[in-house]
Amino acid sequence: MSKQQKKQRPQESRGMSDIDRLRLRISAMINGPRAQSLCQATIWRLESDSDQAWNQVMEELGETDGLVMNENEDGTVTLQWEAAIEDGGAVEEPEPEMVIQRLHEDRIPF
């Protein structure tokens, strides 16, 4: 295949669509540890995001149950949600990432 034919292929055949790329970026923002601990994430539009992709993803987010969207003055959008409640009826505390263990807590008797 010639170089000209390769350049004329649609973007979808080369990789992800604009919408999929935007969904993935917003998903990473929402699933980040800070956003999860605060139950909120602030997302923003990049210059490379098309109007169609941005509007479609904002519509999809707006239809999501339990998600509150607030448009900020600077053009960003803050997403807020309630923490998920486990089957036991209470939110479980996360396991500590590091446990400090002291090998010699008592004085050695010599």
N, C-alpha and C. Protein backbone atom coordinates (compact mmCIF):
# COMPACT_ATOMS: atom_id res chain seq x y z
N MET A 1 0.85 -1.19 0.00
CA MET A 1 0.00 0.00 0.00
C MET A 1 0.89 1.25 0.00
N SER A 2 0.54 2.21 -0.79
CA SER A 2 1.36 3.42 -0.88
C SER A 2 1.17 4.30 0.35
N LYS A 3 2.07 5.24 0.51
CA LYS A 3 2.00 6.16 1.65
C LYS A 3 0.75 7.02 1.59
N GLN A 4 0.33 7.43 0.41
CA GLN A 4 -0.87 8.26 0.27
C GLN A 4 -2.11 7.49 0.72
N GLN A 5 -2.20 6.23 0.38
CA GLN A 5 -3.36 5.43 0.77
C GLN A 5 -3.40 5.25 2.28
N LYS A 6 -2.25 5.09 2.91
CA LYS A 6 -2.20 4.94 4.36
C LYS A 6 -2.68 6.21 5.05
N LYS A 7 -2.33 7.38 4.53
CA LYS A 7 -2.72 8.65 5.14
C LYS A 7 -4.22 8.90 5.00
N GLN A 8 -4.86 8.32 4.00
CA GLN A 8 -6.26 8.56 3.75
C GLN A 8 -7.18 7.68 4.57
N ARG A 9 -6.66 6.74 5.33
CA ARG A 9 -7.49 5.89 6.17
C ARG A 9 -8.16 6.72 7.25
N PRO A 10 -9.39 6.34 7.64
CA PRO A 10 -10.05 7.07 8.74
C PRO A 10 -9.31 6.86 10.04
N GLN A 11 -9.50 7.80 10.95
CA GLN A 11 -8.80 7.77 12.24
C GLN A 11 -9.15 6.52 13.03
N GLU A 12 -10.40 6.02 12.94
CA GLU A 12 -10.82 4.87 13.71
C GLU A 12 -10.00 3.63 13.38
N SER A 13 -9.54 3.50 12.13
CA SER A 13 -8.78 2.32 11.75
C SER A 13 -7.36 2.37 12.32
N ARG A 14 -6.88 3.53 12.68
CA ARG A 14 -5.53 3.68 13.23
C ARG A 14 -5.50 3.53 14.74
N GLY A 15 -6.63 3.66 15.39
CA GLY A 15 -6.62 3.59 16.84
C GLY A 15 -7.99 3.92 17.39
N MET A 16 -7.98 4.55 18.53
CA MET A 16 -9.23 4.88 19.22
C MET A 16 -9.91 6.08 18.59
N SER A 17 -11.24 6.11 18.68
CA SER A 17 -11.99 7.27 18.21
C SER A 17 -11.84 8.41 19.22
N ASP A 18 -12.23 9.61 18.83
CA ASP A 18 -12.18 10.77 19.72
C ASP A 18 -13.00 10.51 20.99
N ILE A 19 -14.18 9.94 20.81
CA ILE A 19 -15.07 9.69 21.94
C ILE A 19 -14.46 8.67 22.89
N ASP A 20 -13.89 7.59 22.34
CA ASP A 20 -13.28 6.57 23.20
C ASP A 20 -12.08 7.11 23.95
N ARG A 21 -11.29 7.96 23.29
CA ARG A 21 -10.12 8.56 23.94
C ARG A 21 -10.57 9.47 25.09
N LEU A 22 -11.63 10.25 24.87
CA LEU A 22 -12.16 11.14 25.89
C LEU A 22 -12.74 10.34 27.05
N ARG A 23 -13.49 9.29 26.74
CA ARG A 23 -14.05 8.42 27.80
C ARG A 23 -12.94 7.84 28.66
N LEU A 24 -11.89 7.37 28.02
CA LEU A 24 -10.77 6.77 28.76
C LEU A 24 -10.08 7.80 29.66
N ARG A 25 -9.89 9.01 29.16
CA ARG A 25 -9.24 10.06 29.96
C ARG A 25 -10.10 10.44 31.17
N ILE A 26 -11.40 10.60 30.97
CA ILE A 26 -12.30 10.95 32.07
C ILE A 26 -12.40 9.80 33.06
N SER A 27 -12.43 8.58 32.55
CA SER A 27 -12.47 7.41 33.43
C SER A 27 -11.24 7.37 34.33
N ALA A 28 -10.09 7.69 33.78
CA ALA A 28 -8.86 7.70 34.59
C ALA A 28 -8.93 8.77 35.67
N MET A 29 -9.52 9.93 35.35
CA MET A 29 -9.67 10.99 36.35
C MET A 29 -10.61 10.55 37.47
N ILE A 30 -11.71 9.93 37.10
CA ILE A 30 -12.70 9.49 38.09
C ILE A 30 -12.16 8.36 38.96
N ASN A 31 -11.40 7.46 38.37
CA ASN A 31 -10.91 6.29 39.10
C ASN A 31 -9.60 6.52 39.82
N GLY A 32 -9.08 7.71 39.76
CA GLY A 32 -7.85 8.02 40.49
C GLY A 32 -8.06 7.93 41.99
N PRO A 33 -7.03 7.62 42.76
CA PRO A 33 -7.18 7.44 44.21
C PRO A 33 -7.70 8.68 44.93
N ARG A 34 -7.27 9.85 44.53
CA ARG A 34 -7.73 11.09 45.20
C ARG A 34 -9.22 11.31 44.92
N ALA A 35 -9.62 11.15 43.65
CA ALA A 35 -11.03 11.33 43.30
C ALA A 35 -11.89 10.31 44.04
N GLN A 36 -11.44 9.10 44.15
CA GLN A 36 -12.22 8.07 44.83
C GLN A 36 -12.33 8.36 46.32
N SER A 37 -11.28 8.86 46.93
CA SER A 37 -11.35 9.14 48.37
C SER A 37 -12.24 10.36 48.65
N LEU A 38 -12.26 11.34 47.73
CA LEU A 38 -13.09 12.54 47.91
C LEU A 38 -14.49 12.39 47.34
N CYS A 39 -14.72 11.32 46.56
CA CYS A 39 -16.00 11.09 45.86
C CYS A 39 -16.33 12.26 44.94
N GLN A 40 -15.31 12.79 44.30
CA GLN A 40 -15.51 13.85 43.31
C GLN A 40 -14.28 13.95 42.41
N ALA A 41 -14.53 14.42 41.21
CA ALA A 41 -13.45 14.63 40.25
C ALA A 41 -13.79 15.85 39.42
N THR A 42 -12.80 16.65 39.11
CA THR A 42 -12.98 17.78 38.22
C THR A 42 -12.37 17.42 36.88
N ILE A 43 -13.19 17.48 35.84
CA ILE A 43 -12.74 17.12 34.50
C ILE A 43 -12.72 18.37 33.64
N TRP A 44 -11.94 18.33 32.57
CA TRP A 44 -11.84 19.48 31.68
C TRP A 44 -11.67 19.02 30.25
N ARG A 45 -11.99 19.91 29.38
CA ARG A 45 -11.92 19.65 27.95
C ARG A 45 -10.57 20.09 27.41
N LEU A 46 -9.96 19.24 26.60
CA LEU A 46 -8.72 19.59 25.93
C LEU A 46 -9.04 20.20 24.58
N GLU A 47 -8.11 20.96 24.03
CA GLU A 47 -8.31 21.56 22.71
C GLU A 47 -8.51 20.49 21.64
N SER A 48 -7.94 19.30 21.87
CA SER A 48 -8.05 18.22 20.88
C SER A 48 -9.39 17.48 20.96
N ASP A 49 -10.21 17.74 21.99
CA ASP A 49 -11.52 17.09 22.12
C ASP A 49 -12.51 17.77 21.17
N SER A 50 -13.13 16.98 20.31
CA SER A 50 -14.11 17.55 19.38
C SER A 50 -15.39 17.92 20.12
N ASP A 51 -16.15 18.84 19.53
CA ASP A 51 -17.43 19.23 20.12
C ASP A 51 -18.34 18.03 20.25
N GLN A 52 -18.39 17.20 19.22
CA GLN A 52 -19.26 16.03 19.22
C GLN A 52 -18.87 15.07 20.35
N ALA A 53 -17.59 14.78 20.50
CA ALA A 53 -17.14 13.85 21.55
C ALA A 53 -17.46 14.41 22.93
N TRP A 54 -17.13 15.68 23.17
CA TRP A 54 -17.36 16.30 24.47
C TRP A 54 -18.85 16.30 24.82
N ASN A 55 -19.69 16.73 23.87
CA ASN A 55 -21.12 16.79 24.13
C ASN A 55 -21.72 15.40 24.39
N GLN A 56 -21.27 14.42 23.65
CA GLN A 56 -21.79 13.07 23.85
C GLN A 56 -21.39 12.51 25.22
N VAL A 57 -20.14 12.69 25.60
CA VAL A 57 -19.69 12.18 26.90
C VAL A 57 -20.37 12.94 28.04
N MET A 58 -20.56 14.25 27.90
CA MET A 58 -21.27 15.01 28.94
C MET A 58 -22.72 14.54 29.06
N GLU A 59 -23.35 14.22 27.94
CA GLU A 59 -24.72 13.70 27.96
C GLU A 59 -24.77 12.33 28.66
N GLU A 60 -23.80 11.48 28.36
CA GLU A 60 -23.74 10.16 28.99
C GLU A 60 -23.54 10.29 30.51
N LEU A 61 -22.66 11.19 30.91
CA LEU A 61 -22.43 11.40 32.34
C LEU A 61 -23.69 11.96 33.01
N GLY A 62 -24.40 12.85 32.32
CA GLY A 62 -25.62 13.44 32.86
C GLY A 62 -26.72 12.41 33.08
N GLU A 63 -26.68 11.32 32.33
CA GLU A 63 -27.68 10.27 32.45
C GLU A 63 -27.30 9.23 33.50
N THR A 64 -26.14 9.35 34.11
CA THR A 64 -25.67 8.38 35.08
C THR A 64 -26.33 8.61 36.43
N ASP A 65 -26.97 7.57 36.97
CA ASP A 65 -27.63 7.66 38.27
C ASP A 65 -26.61 7.91 39.37
N GLY A 66 -26.93 8.80 40.30
CA GLY A 66 -26.09 9.07 41.45
C GLY A 66 -24.92 9.98 41.19
N LEU A 67 -24.84 10.54 40.00
CA LEU A 67 -23.74 11.43 39.65
C LEU A 67 -24.27 12.85 39.49
N VAL A 68 -23.66 13.79 40.22
CA VAL A 68 -24.04 15.20 40.15
C VAL A 68 -22.95 15.92 39.36
N MET A 69 -23.38 16.71 38.37
CA MET A 69 -22.45 17.45 37.54
C MET A 69 -22.63 18.94 37.79
N ASN A 70 -21.54 19.64 38.09
CA ASN A 70 -21.57 21.09 38.30
C ASN A 70 -20.59 21.73 37.33
N GLU A 71 -21.11 22.61 36.46
CA GLU A 71 -20.24 23.34 35.54
C GLU A 71 -19.62 24.51 36.29
N ASN A 72 -18.32 24.63 36.23
CA ASN A 72 -17.58 25.69 36.91
C ASN A 72 -17.36 26.87 35.96
N GLU A 73 -17.07 28.04 36.53
CA GLU A 73 -16.87 29.26 35.75
C GLU A 73 -15.70 29.15 34.77
N ASP A 74 -14.69 28.35 35.13
CA ASP A 74 -13.51 28.24 34.27
C ASP A 74 -13.67 27.20 33.16
N GLY A 75 -14.87 26.63 33.01
CA GLY A 75 -15.12 25.67 31.94
C GLY A 75 -14.94 24.22 32.36
N THR A 76 -14.42 23.98 33.55
CA THR A 76 -14.29 22.62 34.02
C THR A 76 -15.64 22.13 34.53
N VAL A 77 -15.75 20.82 34.74
CA VAL A 77 -16.98 20.22 35.26
C VAL A 77 -16.59 19.38 36.47
N THR A 78 -17.24 19.62 37.60
CA THR A 78 -16.99 18.82 38.80
C THR A 78 -18.06 17.76 38.90
N LEU A 79 -17.61 16.52 39.01
CA LEU A 79 -18.49 15.37 39.16
C LEU A 79 -18.45 14.95 40.62
N GLN A 80 -19.61 14.71 41.21
CA GLN A 80 -19.67 14.26 42.61
C GLN A 80 -20.60 13.07 42.69
N TRP A 81 -20.28 12.15 43.61
CA TRP A 81 -21.09 10.96 43.81
C TRP A 81 -21.02 10.52 45.25
N GLU A 82 -21.95 9.67 45.66
CA GLU A 82 -21.98 9.12 47.01
C GLU A 82 -21.04 7.92 47.05
N ALA A 83 -20.41 7.71 48.19
CA ALA A 83 -19.56 6.53 48.36
C ALA A 83 -20.42 5.28 48.29
N ALA A 84 -19.92 4.26 47.66
CA ALA A 84 -20.65 3.00 47.55
C ALA A 84 -20.74 2.33 48.91
N ILE A 85 -21.92 1.81 49.21
CA ILE A 85 -22.13 1.11 50.48
C ILE A 85 -22.05 -0.38 50.21
N GLU A 86 -21.22 -1.06 50.99
CA GLU A 86 -21.05 -2.50 50.83
C GLU A 86 -22.27 -3.23 51.37
N ASP A 87 -22.32 -4.54 51.15
CA ASP A 87 -23.46 -5.35 51.58
C ASP A 87 -23.75 -5.24 53.06
N GLY A 88 -22.76 -5.00 53.90
CA GLY A 88 -22.94 -4.92 55.34
C GLY A 88 -23.63 -3.64 55.79
N GLY A 89 -23.85 -2.71 54.91
CA GLY A 89 -24.55 -1.48 55.26
C GLY A 89 -23.63 -0.35 55.68
N ALA A 90 -22.35 -0.58 55.74
CA ALA A 90 -21.41 0.46 56.14
C ALA A 90 -20.24 0.46 55.16
N VAL A 91 -19.65 1.60 54.99
CA VAL A 91 -18.49 1.71 54.12
C VAL A 91 -17.29 1.15 54.86
N GLU A 92 -16.59 0.24 54.21
CA GLU A 92 -15.43 -0.38 54.85
C GLU A 92 -14.23 0.57 54.76
N GLU A 93 -13.44 0.57 55.84
CA GLU A 93 -12.22 1.36 55.83
C GLU A 93 -11.19 0.64 54.97
N PRO A 94 -10.44 1.36 54.17
CA PRO A 94 -9.43 0.69 53.34
C PRO A 94 -8.31 0.13 54.20
N GLU A 95 -7.71 -0.93 53.70
CA GLU A 95 -6.56 -1.52 54.38
C GLU A 95 -5.40 -0.54 54.33
N PRO A 96 -4.64 -0.44 55.41
CA PRO A 96 -3.48 0.46 55.36
C PRO A 96 -2.48 -0.05 54.34
N GLU A 97 -1.82 0.88 53.66
CA GLU A 97 -0.86 0.49 52.64
C GLU A 97 0.42 -0.06 53.24
N MET A 98 0.75 0.41 54.43
CA MET A 98 1.99 -0.02 55.03
C MET A 98 1.73 -0.25 56.53
N VAL A 99 2.24 -1.36 57.03
CA VAL A 99 2.10 -1.67 58.44
C VAL A 99 3.49 -1.61 59.05
N ILE A 100 3.63 -0.86 60.11
CA ILE A 100 4.91 -0.77 60.79
C ILE A 100 4.93 -1.82 61.89
N GLN A 101 5.93 -2.66 61.84
CA GLN A 101 6.05 -3.71 62.84
C GLN A 101 7.37 -3.50 63.57
N ARG A 102 7.28 -3.45 64.88
CA ARG A 102 8.49 -3.28 65.68
C ARG A 102 8.92 -4.66 66.16
N LEU A 103 10.15 -4.99 65.86
CA LEU A 103 10.64 -6.32 66.20
C LEU A 103 10.98 -6.45 67.70
N HIS A 104 11.40 -5.35 68.30
CA HIS A 104 11.80 -5.38 69.71
C HIS A 104 11.08 -4.29 70.47
N GLU A 105 9.82 -4.52 70.76
CA GLU A 105 9.06 -3.53 71.48
C GLU A 105 9.39 -3.56 72.97
N ASP A 106 9.65 -4.74 73.51
CA ASP A 106 9.98 -4.85 74.93
C ASP A 106 11.49 -4.71 75.10
N ARG A 107 11.87 -4.25 76.29
CA ARG A 107 13.30 -4.14 76.57
C ARG A 107 13.89 -5.53 76.71
N ILE A 108 15.07 -5.66 76.21
CA ILE A 108 15.76 -6.94 76.32
C ILE A 108 16.34 -7.02 77.74
N PRO A 109 16.06 -8.12 78.47
CA PRO A 109 16.43 -8.20 79.90
C PRO A 109 17.87 -8.56 80.17
N PHE A 110 18.84 -8.00 79.53
CA PHE A 110 20.22 -8.27 79.90
C PHE A 110 21.06 -7.04 79.89
